[in-house]
Amino acid sequence: MTTFAGNARPPAAEDIRPAPVFYLGTHQPHWLWRATFPMFVSHRQLARRRTLHHATCRWALDSGGFTELSLHGRWLTSPQDYVAAVTSVPRLKFRA
């Protein structure tokens, strides 16, 4: 907060920025159904689940592409499988 003529002055609306959000990366996709904080989950782990529930938190999906290419030298996940995963659990905020 800045001072103006000895008085505290609130910041202008254009100077107010939202706080950054930290997404906790995990290899445990079932935490999506228990956590109350933002989560970052790998598609590779999520795809192993037979049943997907509604997430209790905001979450982001990691494509797992780097690992897939590192391990196999090519893509194993089809675009259709990835899209299905992206749309399967609500509250998804972004995909990486």
C-alpha atoms as a PDB file:
ATOM      1  CA  MET A   1       0.000   0.000   0.000  1.00  0.00           C
ATOM      2  CA  THR A   2       1.370   3.416  -0.864  1.00  0.00           C
ATOM      3  CA  THR A   3       0.952   6.604   1.100  1.00  0.00           C
ATOM      4  CA  PHE A   4      -0.319   9.817  -0.308  1.00  0.00           C
ATOM      5  CA  ALA A   5       0.056  12.976   1.741  1.00  0.00           C
ATOM      6  CA  GLY A   6       0.580  10.895   4.866  1.00  0.00           C
ATOM      7  CA  ASN A   7      -2.582   8.818   4.393  1.00  0.00           C
ATOM      8  CA  ALA A   8      -2.786   5.196   3.329  1.00  0.00           C
ATOM      9  CA  ARG A   9      -4.268   4.837  -0.122  1.00  0.00           C
ATOM     10  CA  PRO A  10      -5.661   1.591  -1.474  1.00  0.00           C
ATOM     11  CA  PRO A  11      -4.078   0.292  -4.679  1.00  0.00           C
ATOM     12  CA  ALA A  12      -5.777   1.062  -7.954  1.00  0.00           C
ATOM     13  CA  ALA A  13      -7.877  -1.728  -9.426  1.00  0.00           C
ATOM     14  CA  GLU A  14      -5.392  -2.281 -12.269  1.00  0.00           C
ATOM     15  CA  ASP A  15      -2.600  -2.857  -9.706  1.00  0.00           C
ATOM     16  CA  ILE A  16      -4.405  -5.709  -7.951  1.00  0.00           C
ATOM     17  CA  ARG A  17      -3.380  -9.125  -9.221  1.00  0.00           C
ATOM     18  CA  PRO A  18      -4.727 -12.499  -8.148  1.00  0.00           C
ATOM     19  CA  ALA A  19      -2.429 -14.602  -6.020  1.00  0.00           C
ATOM     20  CA  PRO A  20      -0.636 -17.400  -7.874  1.00  0.00           C
ATOM     21  CA  VAL A  21      -2.095 -20.880  -7.439  1.00  0.00           C
ATOM     22  CA  PHE A  22       0.203 -23.798  -6.628  1.00  0.00           C
ATOM     23  CA  TYR A  23      -0.815 -27.211  -7.991  1.00  0.00           C
ATOM     24  CA  LEU A  24       0.667 -30.137  -6.067  1.00  0.00           C
ATOM     25  CA  GLY A  25       1.988 -32.783  -8.445  1.00  0.00           C
ATOM     26  CA  THR A  26       1.170 -36.343  -7.451  1.00  0.00           C
ATOM     27  CA  HIS A  27       1.371 -39.872  -8.769  1.00  0.00           C
ATOM     28  CA  GLN A  28      -1.739 -40.781  -6.773  1.00  0.00           C
ATOM     29  CA  PRO A  29      -4.801 -39.937  -8.911  1.00  0.00           C
ATOM     30  CA  HIS A  30      -7.223 -41.065  -6.205  1.00  0.00           C
ATOM     31  CA  TRP A  31      -6.209 -37.970  -4.228  1.00  0.00           C
ATOM     32  CA  LEU A  32      -8.378 -36.017  -6.685  1.00  0.00           C
ATOM     33  CA  TRP A  33     -11.394 -37.445  -4.858  1.00  0.00           C
ATOM     34  CA  ARG A  34     -10.140 -36.507  -1.389  1.00  0.00           C
ATOM     35  CA  ALA A  35      -8.057 -33.338  -1.641  1.00  0.00           C
ATOM     36  CA  THR A  36      -9.220 -29.796  -1.000  1.00  0.00           C
ATOM     37  CA  PHE A  37      -6.201 -28.169  -2.653  1.00  0.00           C
ATOM     38  CA  PRO A  38      -5.234 -27.910  -6.361  1.00  0.00           C
ATOM     39  CA  MET A  39      -3.639 -31.054  -7.798  1.00  0.00           C
ATOM     40  CA  PHE A  40      -1.523 -31.798 -10.895  1.00  0.00           C
ATOM     41  CA  VAL A  41      -1.960 -35.413 -12.078  1.00  0.00           C
ATOM     42  CA  SER A  42      -0.278 -37.326 -14.891  1.00  0.00           C
ATOM     43  CA  HIS A  43      -2.436 -38.772 -17.636  1.00  0.00           C
ATOM     44  CA  ARG A  44      -0.288 -41.903 -17.453  1.00  0.00           C
ATOM     45  CA  GLN A  45      -1.432 -42.510 -13.885  1.00  0.00           C
ATOM     46  CA  LEU A  46      -5.027 -41.443 -14.411  1.00  0.00           C
ATOM     47  CA  ALA A  47      -5.398 -43.800 -17.387  1.00  0.00           C
ATOM     48  CA  ARG A  48      -4.705 -46.778 -15.111  1.00  0.00           C
ATOM     49  CA  ARG A  49      -7.874 -46.136 -13.132  1.00  0.00           C
ATOM     50  CA  ARG A  50     -10.945 -48.174 -14.012  1.00  0.00           C
ATOM     51  CA  THR A  51     -13.369 -45.799 -12.323  1.00  0.00           C
ATOM     52  CA  LEU A  52     -13.119 -42.027 -12.233  1.00  0.00           C
ATOM     53  CA  HIS A  53     -15.056 -39.973  -9.709  1.00  0.00           C
ATOM     54  CA  HIS A  54     -15.818 -36.277  -9.506  1.00  0.00           C
ATOM     55  CA  ALA A  55     -12.766 -34.376  -8.290  1.00  0.00           C
ATOM     56  CA  THR A  56     -13.149 -32.560  -4.973  1.00  0.00           C
ATOM     57  CA  CYS A  57     -10.510 -30.007  -5.942  1.00  0.00           C
ATOM     58  CA  ARG A  58      -9.278 -27.963  -8.863  1.00  0.00           C
ATOM     59  CA  TRP A  59      -6.818 -29.959 -10.899  1.00  0.00           C
ATOM     60  CA  ALA A  60      -4.608 -29.923 -13.962  1.00  0.00           C
ATOM     61  CA  LEU A  61      -3.696 -32.787 -16.267  1.00  0.00           C
ATOM     62  CA  ASP A  62      -0.134 -33.495 -17.357  1.00  0.00           C
ATOM     63  CA  SER A  63      -0.018 -35.302 -20.706  1.00  0.00           C
ATOM     64  CA  GLY A  64       2.782 -37.621 -19.591  1.00  0.00           C
ATOM     65  CA  GLY A  65       4.213 -37.091 -23.062  1.00  0.00           C
ATOM     66  CA  PHE A  66       7.813 -36.560 -21.971  1.00  0.00           C
ATOM     67  CA  THR A  67       7.823 -39.824 -20.031  1.00  0.00           C
ATOM     68  CA  GLU A  68       6.074 -41.695 -22.839  1.00  0.00           C
ATOM     69  CA  LEU A  69       8.600 -40.526 -25.429  1.00  0.00           C
ATOM     70  CA  SER A  70      11.526 -41.162 -23.067  1.00  0.00           C
ATOM     71  CA  LEU A  71      10.433 -44.726 -22.310  1.00  0.00           C
ATOM     72  CA  HIS A  72       9.144 -45.817 -25.719  1.00  0.00           C
ATOM     73  CA  GLY A  73      10.560 -43.373 -28.269  1.00  0.00           C
ATOM     74  CA  ARG A  74       7.094 -42.821 -29.710  1.00  0.00           C
ATOM     75  CA  TRP A  75       3.541 -41.939 -28.760  1.00  0.00           C
ATOM     76  CA  LEU A  76       1.472 -44.789 -27.321  1.00  0.00           C
ATOM     77  CA  THR A  77      -1.506 -42.688 -26.247  1.00  0.00           C
ATOM     78  CA  SER A  78      -3.879 -41.896 -29.081  1.00  0.00           C
ATOM     79  CA  PRO A  79      -5.390 -38.416 -29.360  1.00  0.00           C
ATOM     80  CA  GLN A  80      -8.803 -39.996 -28.740  1.00  0.00           C
ATOM     81  CA  ASP A  81      -7.638 -41.596 -25.467  1.00  0.00           C
ATOM     82  CA  TYR A  82      -6.156 -38.322 -24.272  1.00  0.00           C
ATOM     83  CA  VAL A  83      -9.339 -36.376 -25.104  1.00  0.00           C
ATOM     84  CA  ALA A  84     -11.395 -38.982 -23.236  1.00  0.00           C
ATOM     85  CA  ALA A  85      -9.190 -38.521 -20.174  1.00  0.00           C
ATOM     86  CA  VAL A  86      -9.377 -34.753 -20.417  1.00  0.00           C
ATOM     87  CA  THR A  87     -13.169 -34.792 -20.391  1.00  0.00           C
ATOM     88  CA  SER A  88     -13.670 -37.609 -17.873  1.00  0.00           C
ATOM     89  CA  VAL A  89     -13.197 -35.849 -14.537  1.00  0.00           C
ATOM     90  CA  PRO A  90     -14.895 -32.484 -13.873  1.00  0.00           C
ATOM     91  CA  ARG A  91     -13.180 -29.414 -12.405  1.00  0.00           C
ATOM     92  CA  LEU A  92     -10.181 -29.684 -14.747  1.00  0.00           C
ATOM     93  CA  LYS A  93      -8.578 -26.216 -14.986  1.00  0.00           C
ATOM     94  CA  PHE A  94      -5.951 -26.775 -17.670  1.00  0.00           C
ATOM     95  CA  ARG A  95      -4.046 -29.409 -19.609  1.00  0.00           C
ATOM     96  CA  ALA A  96      -0.301 -29.560 -20.120  1.00  0.00           C
END
